[in-house]
């Protein structure tokens, strides 16, 4: 019996150590996402980056839990959230949550609403979006806001990416 328990413990430990995704609220030294430039889809990144800037400018301070927010976004796009968004919203808006938890579920809600907005542009628009690039854009924008150094709205990379997404999702 003791051997079986020890075996289960070792397997659990090894599987926990091998997780490549960010575990919320545990290790803030490991980034949630860190794609190489070659892996980033410009249109997806730019649209997400600009959506964050428009939504959160002036609201992200030094003590905002950016990693938790982005982890919530990432978990939504990786289909790890099993609770209906309506339930998350009603629970979140009742208050009484730790700031870390609030940031995480705010990220889930933001990711959901961003996905819905893409789908409103054109029904198949979301299928043309690269979710890791969206997550990376959100990550970079949130950290830029936290440091009070977001990219300029006339940034050539963002402008070109936005034009690409408009061409794909509005025509």
N, C-alpha and C. Protein backbone atom coordinates (compact mmCIF):
# COMPACT_ATOMS: atom_id res chain seq x y z
N UNK A 1 0.82 -1.19 0.00
CA UNK A 1 0.00 0.00 0.00
C UNK A 1 0.86 1.26 0.00
N UNK A 2 1.91 1.24 0.82
CA UNK A 2 2.81 2.38 0.89
C UNK A 2 3.53 2.60 -0.43
N UNK A 3 3.90 1.52 -1.11
CA UNK A 3 4.56 1.64 -2.41
C UNK A 3 3.64 2.27 -3.45
N UNK A 4 2.37 1.88 -3.43
CA UNK A 4 1.41 2.47 -4.38
C UNK A 4 1.24 3.95 -4.12
N UNK A 5 1.16 4.32 -2.86
CA UNK A 5 1.02 5.73 -2.50
C UNK A 5 2.25 6.52 -2.92
N UNK A 6 3.43 5.94 -2.68
CA UNK A 6 4.67 6.58 -3.08
C UNK A 6 4.75 6.72 -4.60
N UNK A 7 4.34 5.69 -5.33
CA UNK A 7 4.34 5.73 -6.79
C UNK A 7 3.42 6.84 -7.31
N UNK A 8 2.23 6.94 -6.74
CA UNK A 8 1.29 7.98 -7.14
C UNK A 8 1.88 9.36 -6.85
N UNK A 9 2.51 9.53 -5.71
CA UNK A 9 3.12 10.79 -5.33
C UNK A 9 4.24 11.17 -6.30
N UNK A 10 5.09 10.20 -6.66
CA UNK A 10 6.19 10.46 -7.59
C UNK A 10 5.65 10.83 -8.98
N UNK A 11 4.65 10.11 -9.44
CA UNK A 11 4.06 10.41 -10.75
C UNK A 11 3.44 11.81 -10.75
N UNK A 12 2.75 12.14 -9.68
CA UNK A 12 2.14 13.46 -9.57
C UNK A 12 3.20 14.54 -9.57
N UNK A 13 4.25 14.34 -8.82
CA UNK A 13 5.34 15.31 -8.75
C UNK A 13 6.01 15.49 -10.11
N UNK A 14 6.28 14.39 -10.79
CA UNK A 14 6.91 14.48 -12.11
C UNK A 14 6.02 15.18 -13.13
N UNK A 15 4.74 14.88 -13.10
CA UNK A 15 3.84 15.53 -14.05
C UNK A 15 3.69 17.00 -13.73
N UNK A 16 3.71 17.37 -12.46
CA UNK A 16 3.62 18.78 -12.10
C UNK A 16 4.87 19.52 -12.53
N UNK A 17 6.02 18.89 -12.41
CA UNK A 17 7.28 19.53 -12.82
C UNK A 17 7.39 19.67 -14.33
N UNK A 18 6.68 18.85 -15.06
CA UNK A 18 6.80 18.89 -16.51
C UNK A 18 5.81 19.83 -17.17
N UNK A 19 4.94 20.45 -16.39
CA UNK A 19 3.97 21.38 -16.98
C UNK A 19 4.70 22.54 -17.63
N UNK A 20 4.34 22.85 -18.84
CA UNK A 20 4.98 23.95 -19.54
C UNK A 20 4.17 25.23 -19.45
N UNK A 21 2.93 25.14 -19.07
CA UNK A 21 2.09 26.33 -19.00
C UNK A 21 2.25 27.00 -17.64
N UNK A 22 1.88 28.23 -17.60
CA UNK A 22 1.93 29.02 -16.39
C UNK A 22 0.84 28.55 -15.43
N UNK A 23 1.20 28.34 -14.18
CA UNK A 23 0.21 28.00 -13.17
C UNK A 23 -0.08 29.28 -12.40
N UNK A 24 -1.32 29.76 -12.44
CA UNK A 24 -1.62 31.05 -11.82
C UNK A 24 -1.34 31.04 -10.32
N UNK A 25 -0.90 32.19 -9.84
CA UNK A 25 -0.71 32.45 -8.41
C UNK A 25 0.48 31.73 -7.81
N UNK A 26 1.31 31.07 -8.61
CA UNK A 26 2.40 30.29 -8.04
C UNK A 26 3.77 30.95 -8.29
N UNK A 27 4.18 31.09 -9.52
CA UNK A 27 5.53 31.51 -9.85
C UNK A 27 5.49 32.71 -10.78
N UNK A 28 5.72 33.89 -10.25
CA UNK A 28 5.66 35.09 -11.07
C UNK A 28 6.96 35.36 -11.82
N UNK A 29 7.96 34.52 -11.65
CA UNK A 29 9.22 34.71 -12.35
C UNK A 29 9.18 34.09 -13.74
N UNK A 30 8.29 33.15 -13.95
CA UNK A 30 8.16 32.49 -15.24
C UNK A 30 7.08 33.22 -16.04
N UNK A 31 7.41 33.71 -17.23
CA UNK A 31 6.38 34.42 -18.01
C UNK A 31 5.27 33.47 -18.47
N UNK A 32 4.08 34.02 -18.58
CA UNK A 32 2.95 33.24 -19.05
C UNK A 32 3.18 32.82 -20.49
N UNK A 33 3.68 33.76 -21.28
CA UNK A 33 3.95 33.48 -22.70
C UNK A 33 5.14 34.32 -23.12
N UNK A 34 5.96 33.76 -23.98
CA UNK A 34 7.14 34.46 -24.47
C UNK A 34 7.50 33.91 -25.84
N UNK A 35 6.70 34.27 -26.83
CA UNK A 35 6.93 33.77 -28.19
C UNK A 35 8.12 34.47 -28.83
N UNK A 36 8.81 33.75 -29.69
CA UNK A 36 9.85 34.37 -30.51
C UNK A 36 9.16 35.24 -31.56
N UNK A 37 9.86 36.25 -32.05
CA UNK A 37 9.27 37.16 -33.04
C UNK A 37 8.75 36.42 -34.27
N UNK A 38 9.45 35.35 -34.66
CA UNK A 38 9.06 34.60 -35.85
C UNK A 38 7.74 33.84 -35.64
N UNK A 39 7.39 33.59 -34.41
CA UNK A 39 6.18 32.84 -34.10
C UNK A 39 4.93 33.73 -34.03
N UNK A 40 5.12 35.03 -34.00
CA UNK A 40 4.00 35.95 -33.79
C UNK A 40 3.31 36.30 -35.10
N UNK A 41 2.00 36.14 -35.09
CA UNK A 41 1.16 36.56 -36.21
C UNK A 41 0.83 38.04 -36.00
N UNK A 42 1.31 38.89 -36.90
CA UNK A 42 1.24 40.33 -36.73
C UNK A 42 -0.19 40.84 -36.54
N UNK A 43 -1.13 40.35 -37.34
CA UNK A 43 -2.50 40.86 -37.26
C UNK A 43 -3.16 40.52 -35.93
N UNK A 44 -2.91 39.31 -35.45
CA UNK A 44 -3.48 38.88 -34.18
C UNK A 44 -2.88 39.65 -33.01
N UNK A 45 -1.58 39.80 -33.04
CA UNK A 45 -0.86 40.52 -32.00
C UNK A 45 -1.33 41.98 -31.94
N UNK A 46 -1.36 42.63 -33.09
CA UNK A 46 -1.70 44.05 -33.13
C UNK A 46 -3.13 44.31 -32.65
N UNK A 47 -4.06 43.49 -33.09
CA UNK A 47 -5.45 43.68 -32.68
C UNK A 47 -5.60 43.53 -31.17
N UNK A 48 -4.96 42.52 -30.60
CA UNK A 48 -5.05 42.30 -29.16
C UNK A 48 -4.34 43.41 -28.38
N UNK A 49 -3.19 43.81 -28.87
CA UNK A 49 -2.42 44.87 -28.20
C UNK A 49 -3.25 46.15 -28.14
N UNK A 50 -3.81 46.51 -29.26
CA UNK A 50 -4.60 47.75 -29.31
C UNK A 50 -5.88 47.66 -28.49
N UNK A 51 -6.49 46.49 -28.44
CA UNK A 51 -7.70 46.31 -27.63
C UNK A 51 -7.38 46.50 -26.15
N UNK A 52 -6.26 45.99 -25.72
CA UNK A 52 -5.86 46.17 -24.31
C UNK A 52 -5.59 47.63 -24.02
N UNK A 53 -4.88 48.30 -24.89
CA UNK A 53 -4.57 49.71 -24.66
C UNK A 53 -5.86 50.52 -24.55
N UNK A 54 -6.79 50.29 -25.45
CA UNK A 54 -8.05 51.03 -25.41
C UNK A 54 -8.86 50.71 -24.15
N UNK A 55 -8.80 49.49 -23.69
CA UNK A 55 -9.61 49.07 -22.55
C UNK A 55 -8.97 49.41 -21.20
N UNK A 56 -7.67 49.25 -21.10
CA UNK A 56 -7.02 49.33 -19.79
C UNK A 56 -6.11 50.52 -19.58
N UNK A 57 -5.98 51.41 -20.54
CA UNK A 57 -5.11 52.58 -20.37
C UNK A 57 -5.58 53.39 -19.17
N UNK A 58 -4.66 53.68 -18.29
CA UNK A 58 -4.97 54.43 -17.08
C UNK A 58 -5.50 53.58 -15.93
N UNK A 59 -5.66 52.29 -16.15
CA UNK A 59 -6.23 51.41 -15.12
C UNK A 59 -5.22 50.39 -14.59
N UNK A 60 -4.08 50.26 -15.23
CA UNK A 60 -3.09 49.27 -14.81
C UNK A 60 -1.98 50.00 -14.06
N UNK A 61 -1.85 49.64 -12.78
CA UNK A 61 -0.84 50.25 -11.93
C UNK A 61 0.28 49.24 -11.65
N UNK A 62 1.28 49.69 -10.91
CA UNK A 62 2.41 48.82 -10.59
C UNK A 62 2.00 47.59 -9.78
N UNK A 63 0.92 47.69 -9.03
CA UNK A 63 0.52 46.55 -8.21
C UNK A 63 -0.55 45.68 -8.87
N UNK A 64 -0.84 45.93 -10.15
CA UNK A 64 -1.79 45.09 -10.87
C UNK A 64 -1.12 43.76 -11.18
N UNK A 65 -1.83 42.67 -11.00
CA UNK A 65 -1.29 41.32 -11.22
C UNK A 65 -1.40 40.96 -12.71
N UNK A 66 -0.46 41.48 -13.48
CA UNK A 66 -0.47 41.27 -14.93
C UNK A 66 -0.33 39.79 -15.28
N UNK A 67 0.57 39.09 -14.60
CA UNK A 67 0.75 37.66 -14.89
C UNK A 67 -0.54 36.89 -14.67
N UNK A 68 -1.26 37.22 -13.63
CA UNK A 68 -2.53 36.53 -13.36
C UNK A 68 -3.55 36.84 -14.44
N UNK A 69 -3.62 38.10 -14.85
CA UNK A 69 -4.54 38.51 -15.91
C UNK A 69 -4.24 37.73 -17.19
N UNK A 70 -2.98 37.73 -17.60
CA UNK A 70 -2.58 37.06 -18.83
C UNK A 70 -2.75 35.55 -18.71
N UNK A 71 -2.55 35.02 -17.53
CA UNK A 71 -2.79 33.59 -17.32
C UNK A 71 -4.27 33.27 -17.54
N UNK A 72 -5.16 34.14 -17.08
CA UNK A 72 -6.59 33.94 -17.33
C UNK A 72 -6.90 33.97 -18.81
N UNK A 73 -6.29 34.90 -19.53
CA UNK A 73 -6.44 34.98 -20.99
C UNK A 73 -5.96 33.69 -21.63
N UNK A 74 -4.78 33.28 -21.26
CA UNK A 74 -4.17 32.08 -21.84
C UNK A 74 -5.03 30.85 -21.56
N UNK A 75 -5.52 30.73 -20.34
CA UNK A 75 -6.35 29.58 -20.00
C UNK A 75 -7.65 29.57 -20.79
N UNK A 76 -8.21 30.75 -21.06
CA UNK A 76 -9.44 30.80 -21.86
C UNK A 76 -9.15 30.29 -23.28
N UNK A 77 -8.07 30.77 -23.88
CA UNK A 77 -7.78 30.38 -25.26
C UNK A 77 -7.30 28.93 -25.38
N UNK A 78 -6.84 28.35 -24.29
CA UNK A 78 -6.45 26.94 -24.29
C UNK A 78 -7.59 26.03 -23.84
N UNK A 79 -8.78 26.60 -23.73
CA UNK A 79 -9.99 25.86 -23.34
C UNK A 79 -9.87 25.19 -21.97
N UNK A 80 -9.22 25.84 -21.05
CA UNK A 80 -9.07 25.30 -19.70
C UNK A 80 -10.17 25.78 -18.75
N UNK A 81 -10.96 26.74 -19.18
CA UNK A 81 -12.01 27.28 -18.32
C UNK A 81 -13.28 26.49 -18.56
N UNK A 82 -13.74 25.81 -17.54
CA UNK A 82 -14.90 24.94 -17.66
C UNK A 82 -16.18 25.59 -17.12
N UNK A 83 -16.04 26.67 -16.40
CA UNK A 83 -17.19 27.37 -15.82
C UNK A 83 -17.74 28.34 -16.87
N UNK A 84 -19.06 28.42 -17.02
CA UNK A 84 -19.64 29.37 -17.98
C UNK A 84 -19.24 30.82 -17.63
N UNK A 85 -18.98 31.61 -18.66
CA UNK A 85 -18.54 32.99 -18.46
C UNK A 85 -19.58 33.79 -17.67
N UNK A 86 -20.85 33.54 -17.88
CA UNK A 86 -21.89 34.24 -17.13
C UNK A 86 -21.72 34.01 -15.63
N UNK A 87 -21.38 32.79 -15.24
CA UNK A 87 -21.16 32.49 -13.83
C UNK A 87 -19.91 33.19 -13.30
N UNK A 88 -18.87 33.23 -14.12
CA UNK A 88 -17.64 33.92 -13.72
C UNK A 88 -17.93 35.40 -13.51
N UNK A 89 -18.65 36.00 -14.45
CA UNK A 89 -18.97 37.42 -14.34
C UNK A 89 -19.78 37.71 -13.08
N UNK A 90 -20.83 36.95 -12.85
CA UNK A 90 -21.68 37.24 -11.69
C UNK A 90 -20.92 37.06 -10.39
N UNK A 91 -20.06 36.05 -10.32
CA UNK A 91 -19.26 35.83 -9.13
C UNK A 91 -18.22 36.93 -8.95
N UNK A 92 -17.58 37.30 -10.03
CA UNK A 92 -16.52 38.30 -9.97
C UNK A 92 -17.06 39.66 -9.57
N UNK A 93 -18.19 40.03 -10.10
CA UNK A 93 -18.75 41.35 -9.84
C UNK A 93 -19.40 41.46 -8.47
N UNK A 94 -19.54 40.35 -7.76
CA UNK A 94 -20.06 40.40 -6.39
C UNK A 94 -19.00 40.92 -5.44
N UNK A 95 -17.74 40.84 -5.84
CA UNK A 95 -16.66 41.38 -5.03
C UNK A 95 -16.15 40.39 -3.99
N UNK A 96 -15.24 40.90 -3.15
CA UNK A 96 -14.69 40.10 -2.08
C UNK A 96 -13.56 39.18 -2.50
N UNK A 97 -12.98 39.39 -3.68
CA UNK A 97 -11.92 38.49 -4.17
C UNK A 97 -10.55 39.12 -3.92
N UNK A 98 -9.59 38.26 -3.75
CA UNK A 98 -8.20 38.67 -3.70
C UNK A 98 -7.84 39.32 -5.03
N UNK A 99 -6.95 40.30 -5.02
CA UNK A 99 -6.57 41.02 -6.25
C UNK A 99 -6.02 40.09 -7.32
N UNK A 100 -5.27 39.09 -6.90
CA UNK A 100 -4.70 38.12 -7.81
C UNK A 100 -5.80 37.34 -8.54
N UNK A 101 -6.77 36.89 -7.78
CA UNK A 101 -7.88 36.12 -8.34
C UNK A 101 -8.75 37.01 -9.22
N UNK A 102 -8.98 38.23 -8.78
CA UNK A 102 -9.76 39.18 -9.57
C UNK A 102 -9.10 39.42 -10.93
N UNK A 103 -7.77 39.61 -10.92
CA UNK A 103 -7.04 39.84 -12.17
C UNK A 103 -7.15 38.63 -13.09
N UNK A 104 -7.02 37.44 -12.53
CA UNK A 104 -7.10 36.21 -13.33
C UNK A 104 -8.45 36.12 -14.05
N UNK A 105 -9.52 36.25 -13.31
CA UNK A 105 -10.85 36.10 -13.91
C UNK A 105 -11.22 37.30 -14.79
N UNK A 106 -10.63 38.46 -14.52
CA UNK A 106 -10.81 39.58 -15.44
C UNK A 106 -10.16 39.27 -16.78
N UNK A 107 -9.03 38.59 -16.74
CA UNK A 107 -8.37 38.15 -17.96
C UNK A 107 -9.21 37.16 -18.74
N UNK A 108 -9.86 36.24 -18.03
CA UNK A 108 -10.75 35.27 -18.68
C UNK A 108 -11.88 36.01 -19.39
N UNK A 109 -12.50 36.94 -18.69
CA UNK A 109 -13.62 37.69 -19.26
C UNK A 109 -13.17 38.53 -20.45
N UNK A 110 -12.01 39.18 -20.32
CA UNK A 110 -11.50 39.98 -21.44
C UNK A 110 -11.27 39.10 -22.66
N UNK A 111 -10.65 37.94 -22.47
CA UNK A 111 -10.37 37.02 -23.58
C UNK A 111 -11.66 36.58 -24.25
N UNK A 112 -12.63 36.22 -23.46
CA UNK A 112 -13.94 35.82 -23.99
C UNK A 112 -14.56 36.94 -24.82
N UNK A 113 -14.58 38.15 -24.26
CA UNK A 113 -15.22 39.28 -24.96
C UNK A 113 -14.46 39.67 -26.22
N UNK A 114 -13.13 39.59 -26.18
CA UNK A 114 -12.35 39.87 -27.38
C UNK A 114 -12.67 38.86 -28.48
N UNK A 115 -12.76 37.60 -28.12
CA UNK A 115 -13.12 36.55 -29.07
C UNK A 115 -14.51 36.82 -29.66
N UNK A 116 -15.45 37.20 -28.82
CA UNK A 116 -16.81 37.51 -29.28
C UNK A 116 -16.80 38.70 -30.25
N UNK A 117 -15.99 39.70 -29.95
CA UNK A 117 -15.92 40.88 -30.82
C UNK A 117 -15.34 40.55 -32.19
N UNK A 118 -14.34 39.68 -32.22
CA UNK A 118 -13.80 39.24 -33.50
C UNK A 118 -14.88 38.53 -34.31
N UNK A 119 -15.64 37.71 -33.65
CA UNK A 119 -16.70 36.96 -34.34
C UNK A 119 -17.81 37.86 -34.85
N UNK A 120 -18.00 39.01 -34.21
CA UNK A 120 -19.02 39.96 -34.66
C UNK A 120 -18.58 40.68 -35.94
N UNK A 121 -17.27 40.83 -36.12
CA UNK A 121 -16.79 41.46 -37.35
C UNK A 121 -17.19 40.65 -38.57
N UNK A 122 -16.96 39.35 -38.45
CA UNK A 122 -17.28 38.40 -39.52
C UNK A 122 -17.34 37.03 -38.86
N UNK A 123 -18.33 36.22 -39.17
CA UNK A 123 -18.49 34.94 -38.46
C UNK A 123 -17.24 34.06 -38.41
N UNK A 124 -16.44 34.05 -39.46
CA UNK A 124 -15.26 33.19 -39.45
C UNK A 124 -13.97 33.92 -39.08
N UNK A 125 -14.10 35.15 -38.62
CA UNK A 125 -12.92 35.95 -38.30
C UNK A 125 -12.05 35.29 -37.23
N UNK A 126 -12.67 34.81 -36.17
CA UNK A 126 -11.89 34.23 -35.09
C UNK A 126 -11.06 33.03 -35.55
N UNK A 127 -11.53 32.31 -36.53
CA UNK A 127 -10.78 31.15 -37.01
C UNK A 127 -9.48 31.56 -37.72
N UNK A 128 -9.36 32.81 -38.07
CA UNK A 128 -8.16 33.31 -38.74
C UNK A 128 -7.18 33.99 -37.78
N UNK A 129 -7.51 33.91 -36.50
CA UNK A 129 -6.70 34.54 -35.47
C UNK A 129 -5.80 33.50 -34.81
N UNK A 130 -4.56 33.88 -34.55
CA UNK A 130 -3.61 33.01 -33.87
C UNK A 130 -3.67 33.31 -32.37
N UNK A 131 -4.22 32.39 -31.60
CA UNK A 131 -4.44 32.61 -30.17
C UNK A 131 -3.16 32.87 -29.38
N UNK A 132 -2.06 32.16 -29.62
CA UNK A 132 -0.83 32.51 -28.88
C UNK A 132 -0.36 33.94 -29.18
N UNK A 133 -0.53 34.39 -30.41
CA UNK A 133 -0.14 35.76 -30.75
C UNK A 133 -1.03 36.78 -30.07
N UNK A 134 -2.32 36.46 -29.94
CA UNK A 134 -3.24 37.33 -29.21
C UNK A 134 -2.79 37.42 -27.75
N UNK A 135 -2.49 36.28 -27.17
CA UNK A 135 -2.04 36.25 -25.78
C UNK A 135 -0.75 37.05 -25.61
N UNK A 136 0.16 36.91 -26.56
CA UNK A 136 1.42 37.66 -26.49
C UNK A 136 1.17 39.16 -26.59
N UNK A 137 0.27 39.56 -27.48
CA UNK A 137 -0.07 40.98 -27.61
C UNK A 137 -0.68 41.53 -26.33
N UNK A 138 -1.55 40.77 -25.72
CA UNK A 138 -2.17 41.18 -24.45
C UNK A 138 -1.10 41.29 -23.37
N UNK A 139 -0.24 40.30 -23.30
CA UNK A 139 0.85 40.30 -22.32
C UNK A 139 1.72 41.55 -22.48
N UNK A 140 2.17 41.80 -23.69
CA UNK A 140 3.07 42.93 -23.93
C UNK A 140 2.39 44.27 -23.65
N UNK A 141 1.13 44.39 -24.02
CA UNK A 141 0.40 45.63 -23.79
C UNK A 141 0.20 45.87 -22.29
N UNK A 142 -0.17 44.83 -21.56
CA UNK A 142 -0.39 44.99 -20.11
C UNK A 142 0.90 45.38 -19.40
N UNK A 143 2.01 44.74 -19.75
CA UNK A 143 3.28 45.12 -19.12
C UNK A 143 3.72 46.52 -19.57
N UNK A 144 3.43 46.88 -20.82
CA UNK A 144 3.72 48.23 -21.27
C UNK A 144 2.93 49.26 -20.48
N UNK A 145 1.66 48.99 -20.25
CA UNK A 145 0.82 49.90 -19.45
C UNK A 145 1.30 49.96 -18.01
N UNK A 146 1.70 48.82 -17.47
CA UNK A 146 2.15 48.79 -16.09
C UNK A 146 3.41 49.64 -15.91
N UNK A 147 4.27 49.63 -16.91
CA UNK A 147 5.51 50.42 -16.85
C UNK A 147 5.31 51.83 -17.39
N UNK A 148 4.07 52.14 -17.79
CA UNK A 148 3.70 53.42 -18.39
C UNK A 148 4.51 53.69 -19.66
N UNK A 149 4.77 52.61 -20.43
CA UNK A 149 5.51 52.72 -21.68
C UNK A 149 4.90 51.83 -22.76
N UNK A 150 3.60 52.02 -23.05
CA UNK A 150 3.03 51.21 -24.13
C UNK A 150 3.56 51.69 -25.48
N UNK A 151 3.43 50.85 -26.47
CA UNK A 151 3.83 51.24 -27.82
C UNK A 151 2.95 52.41 -28.26
N UNK A 152 3.51 53.24 -29.10
CA UNK A 152 2.79 54.38 -29.63
C UNK A 152 1.68 53.89 -30.57
N UNK A 153 0.55 54.57 -30.57
CA UNK A 153 -0.56 54.13 -31.42
C UNK A 153 -0.25 54.24 -32.91
N UNK A 154 0.79 54.99 -33.25
CA UNK A 154 1.22 55.09 -34.65
C UNK A 154 2.37 54.12 -34.96
N UNK A 155 2.65 53.21 -34.06
CA UNK A 155 3.69 52.22 -34.24
C UNK A 155 3.43 51.46 -35.55
N UNK A 156 4.42 51.42 -36.42
CA UNK A 156 4.26 50.84 -37.76
C UNK A 156 3.82 49.37 -37.71
N UNK A 157 4.36 48.60 -36.79
CA UNK A 157 4.01 47.19 -36.67
C UNK A 157 2.53 47.03 -36.32
N UNK A 158 2.05 47.83 -35.37
CA UNK A 158 0.65 47.76 -34.95
C UNK A 158 -0.29 48.24 -36.06
N UNK A 159 0.10 49.30 -36.75
CA UNK A 159 -0.74 49.83 -37.83
C UNK A 159 -0.89 48.81 -38.94
N UNK A 160 0.22 48.20 -39.35
CA UNK A 160 0.16 47.19 -40.41
C UNK A 160 -0.67 45.98 -39.98
N UNK A 161 -0.48 45.55 -38.76
CA UNK A 161 -1.25 44.41 -38.25
C UNK A 161 -2.74 44.71 -38.20
N UNK A 162 -3.09 45.91 -37.80
CA UNK A 162 -4.50 46.31 -37.75
C UNK A 162 -5.11 46.37 -39.14
N UNK A 163 -4.35 46.84 -40.10
CA UNK A 163 -4.83 46.87 -41.48
C UNK A 163 -5.07 45.45 -41.99
N UNK A 164 -4.17 44.55 -41.64
CA UNK A 164 -4.34 43.14 -42.07
C UNK A 164 -5.62 42.54 -41.51
N UNK A 165 -5.88 42.79 -40.23
CA UNK A 165 -7.06 42.20 -39.61
C UNK A 165 -8.33 42.81 -40.19
N UNK A 166 -8.30 44.08 -40.48
CA UNK A 166 -9.47 44.73 -41.10
C UNK A 166 -9.74 44.16 -42.49
N UNK A 167 -8.68 43.92 -43.24
CA UNK A 167 -8.86 43.34 -44.58
C UNK A 167 -9.42 41.93 -44.52
N UNK A 168 -9.01 41.17 -43.55
CA UNK A 168 -9.48 39.79 -43.44
C UNK A 168 -10.87 39.68 -42.85
N UNK A 169 -11.17 40.53 -41.90
CA UNK A 169 -12.41 40.34 -41.12
C UNK A 169 -13.53 41.31 -41.45
N UNK A 170 -13.33 42.20 -42.40
CA UNK A 170 -14.44 43.11 -42.73
C UNK A 170 -14.85 43.06 -44.20
N UNK A 171 -14.11 42.34 -45.00
CA UNK A 171 -14.44 42.31 -46.43
C UNK A 171 -15.06 40.99 -46.80
